[in-house]
Protein backbone atom coordinates (compact mmCIF):
# COMPACT_ATOMS: atom_id res chain seq x y z
CA MET A 1 -31.24 -194.56 -245.16
CA SER A 2 -31.01 -192.49 -248.27
CA ALA A 3 -30.34 -188.84 -249.25
CA ALA A 4 -33.32 -187.84 -248.35
CA ASP A 5 -34.76 -189.16 -245.14
CA PRO A 6 -34.69 -187.54 -241.98
CA LYS A 7 -31.73 -187.51 -239.92
CA PRO A 8 -32.68 -189.96 -236.89
CA GLY A 9 -32.98 -188.84 -233.80
CA PRO A 10 -30.49 -189.00 -230.69
CA ARG A 11 -31.32 -193.00 -228.69
CA PRO A 12 -32.80 -192.49 -225.81
CA ARG A 13 -31.09 -193.03 -222.59
CA GLU A 14 -33.21 -195.88 -222.62
CA VAL A 15 -32.29 -197.52 -225.10
CA THR A 16 -28.13 -196.90 -224.70
CA PHE A 17 -29.41 -198.32 -220.64
CA ALA A 18 -31.10 -201.61 -221.40
CA GLY A 19 -28.58 -202.12 -224.74
CA VAL A 20 -25.51 -202.29 -222.29
CA GLN A 21 -26.86 -203.90 -219.77
CA THR A 22 -28.00 -206.85 -221.98
CA MET A 23 -25.16 -206.57 -223.01
CA SER A 24 -22.99 -206.32 -219.60
CA GLY A 25 -25.61 -209.18 -218.03
CA SER A 26 -24.08 -211.30 -221.07
CA ALA A 27 -21.26 -211.22 -221.36
CA ILE A 28 -20.75 -211.66 -217.71
CA ALA A 29 -23.19 -215.39 -217.67
CA ILE A 30 -20.80 -216.52 -220.16
CA PHE A 31 -17.67 -215.77 -217.44
CA VAL A 32 -19.32 -216.91 -215.32
CA LEU A 33 -20.78 -220.62 -217.44
CA ILE A 34 -17.19 -220.92 -218.56
CA ALA A 35 -16.27 -220.91 -214.55
CA ILE A 36 -18.41 -224.00 -213.91
CA ALA A 37 -18.56 -225.62 -216.79
CA GLN A 38 -14.63 -225.77 -216.43
CA GLN A 39 -15.37 -227.21 -212.45
CA LEU A 40 -17.66 -229.61 -213.97
CA ASN A 41 -15.82 -232.02 -212.85
CA SER A 42 -14.31 -230.95 -209.66
CA VAL A 43 -14.78 -233.10 -206.07
CA GLU A 44 -16.80 -229.38 -205.28
CA MET A 45 -19.17 -229.80 -207.85
CA ARG A 46 -19.87 -233.33 -207.60
CA ASP A 47 -20.30 -233.30 -203.59
CA ALA A 48 -23.20 -229.60 -204.87
CA LEU A 49 -24.48 -232.47 -206.68
CA THR A 50 -24.81 -235.52 -204.78
CA GLU A 51 -25.68 -233.67 -202.56
CA VAL A 52 -29.17 -232.84 -205.11
CA ILE A 53 -29.24 -236.31 -205.95
CA ASN A 54 -29.41 -237.86 -202.55
CA ASN A 55 -32.19 -234.62 -201.78
CA PRO A 56 -34.69 -236.68 -201.12
CA ARG A 57 -37.70 -234.77 -202.94
CA PHE A 58 -35.03 -235.55 -206.35
CA GLU A 59 -33.82 -238.99 -204.57
CA SER A 60 -37.10 -240.48 -206.86
CA LEU A 61 -36.17 -239.53 -209.99
CA GLY A 62 -32.94 -242.56 -210.49
CA VAL A 63 -30.43 -239.45 -211.13
CA THR A 64 -26.77 -240.77 -210.69
CA LEU A 65 -24.23 -238.13 -210.92
CA ASP A 66 -22.55 -239.04 -213.95
CA THR A 67 -27.08 -237.66 -214.99
CA ALA A 68 -26.18 -235.13 -213.82
CA ARG A 69 -23.52 -234.41 -215.19
CA GLU A 70 -24.44 -234.75 -218.60
CA LEU A 71 -27.97 -232.74 -217.45
CA MET A 72 -25.12 -229.80 -216.44
CA LYS A 73 -23.26 -229.46 -219.07
CA TYR A 74 -26.15 -229.39 -221.51
CA MET A 75 -27.28 -226.80 -219.69
CA ILE A 76 -24.59 -224.66 -219.06
CA MET A 77 -24.30 -225.25 -223.39
CA ALA A 78 -28.14 -223.93 -224.11
CA MET A 79 -27.28 -221.16 -221.10
CA GLY A 80 -24.55 -220.38 -223.38
CA VAL A 81 -25.94 -219.97 -226.10
CA VAL A 82 -28.93 -217.42 -225.35
CA SER A 83 -26.41 -216.01 -223.26
CA MET A 84 -24.37 -215.01 -226.45
CA THR A 85 -28.29 -214.61 -228.43
CA SER A 86 -28.85 -211.83 -225.41
CA LEU A 87 -25.63 -209.85 -226.32
CA ILE A 88 -25.85 -210.06 -230.03
CA LEU A 89 -29.63 -208.48 -229.97
CA GLY A 90 -28.53 -206.38 -227.36
CA LEU A 91 -25.28 -204.59 -229.53
CA PHE A 92 -28.56 -205.06 -232.60
CA VAL A 93 -31.57 -202.94 -230.64
CA LEU A 94 -28.95 -199.93 -230.08
CA ARG A 95 -28.07 -199.67 -233.69
CA ARG A 96 -32.17 -199.20 -234.36
CA HIS A 97 -33.98 -202.40 -234.45
CA GLN A 98 -36.93 -203.46 -234.41
CA ALA A 99 -37.00 -206.64 -234.59
CA ALA A 100 -34.23 -207.49 -231.98
CA ARG A 101 -36.46 -205.80 -229.75
CA ILE A 102 -38.89 -207.46 -230.64
CA VAL A 103 -36.85 -210.80 -229.69
CA LEU A 104 -34.74 -209.36 -226.70
CA THR A 105 -38.02 -209.13 -225.39
CA VAL A 106 -39.42 -212.54 -225.50
CA LEU A 107 -35.87 -214.34 -225.22
CA GLY A 108 -35.46 -212.52 -221.73
CA GLY A 109 -39.25 -213.23 -221.13
CA LEU A 110 -38.95 -217.22 -221.16
CA VAL A 111 -35.52 -216.45 -218.62
CA ALA A 112 -37.38 -214.36 -215.74
CA VAL A 113 -39.65 -216.84 -216.00
CA VAL A 114 -37.19 -219.67 -215.87
CA PHE A 115 -35.15 -217.81 -212.77
CA LEU A 116 -38.15 -217.56 -211.56
CA PHE A 117 -38.24 -220.30 -209.76
CA GLY A 118 -34.03 -220.43 -208.84
CA GLY A 119 -34.87 -219.09 -205.79
CA PRO A 120 -33.42 -215.24 -204.43
CA PRO A 121 -30.46 -215.72 -207.11
CA GLY A 122 -33.65 -216.35 -209.54
CA TRP A 123 -35.31 -212.79 -208.54
CA PHE A 124 -32.24 -211.46 -208.58
CA ILE A 125 -31.40 -212.45 -212.41
CA THR A 126 -35.91 -211.92 -213.30
CA ALA A 127 -34.92 -208.19 -211.87
CA TYR A 128 -32.41 -207.28 -214.14
CA VAL A 129 -33.51 -209.39 -217.30
CA ALA A 130 -37.44 -207.29 -216.31
CA ILE A 131 -35.54 -203.72 -215.97
CA SER A 132 -33.61 -204.72 -219.31
CA VAL A 133 -36.78 -205.49 -221.50
CA ALA A 134 -38.99 -202.47 -219.36
CA MET A 135 -36.08 -200.23 -220.94
CA VAL A 136 -36.48 -200.96 -225.12
CA TRP A 137 -41.11 -200.29 -223.97
CA THR A 138 -40.95 -197.12 -223.32
CA LYS A 139 -42.88 -194.32 -224.76
CA SER A 140 -39.18 -193.01 -226.00
CA ALA A 141 -37.74 -195.78 -227.18
CA ARG A 142 -41.31 -196.98 -228.49
CA ALA A 143 -40.56 -192.69 -230.73
CA TRP A 144 -37.48 -194.14 -231.59
CA PHE A 145 -37.95 -196.95 -232.85
CA ALA A 146 -40.75 -196.42 -235.18
CA ASP A 147 -39.24 -193.47 -236.73
CA ALA A 148 -36.47 -195.99 -238.19
CA ALA A 149 -37.63 -197.69 -241.21
CA GLU A 150 -36.12 -201.60 -240.55
CA PRO A 151 -32.69 -202.64 -242.41
CA PRO A 152 -32.50 -204.79 -245.22
CA LEU A 153 -32.84 -208.27 -244.86
CA MET A 154 -29.09 -209.65 -246.21
CA GLY A 155 -27.73 -206.78 -248.20
CA ARG A 156 -30.86 -206.80 -250.35
CA PRO A 157 -32.36 -203.35 -251.07
CA PRO A 158 -35.49 -202.75 -249.98
CA PRO A 159 -39.00 -203.22 -251.86
CA PRO A 160 -39.95 -200.64 -254.10
CA SER A 161 -42.55 -198.42 -252.86
CA THR A 162 -45.56 -197.21 -255.32
């Protein structure tokens, strides 16, 4: 912002709540994923995966225990990337970055749809994500984001206005 720009208004509570909720949920998810990754080769995880792959619904897929562990490893990595991305986007939403709000909405929508299939624990996560995303689209949040000029990318100065 230049010296001629008016002082930006205070951040709405909804945006603060959404940004903090997004960042804290993402951090918790990262810690949970690390804990699960550490237990991937444990006896308990082996028993749980064996129970899943021996379920009649999944038995026809022919998945072995090693394949199930590999799938879990890649799912943990993918969820880690999504969690870290949403943590960073939450920070940028707090800094009034319009593109971060849009990307966070799309990413949150995808996560919510995936977790809908996870039963009651997944429904809780879906509700958590939906509330976070909805908060950045309230009337006061939209007005606050609309007042901000998009920051220049990579340190380039904004194009001259005509």
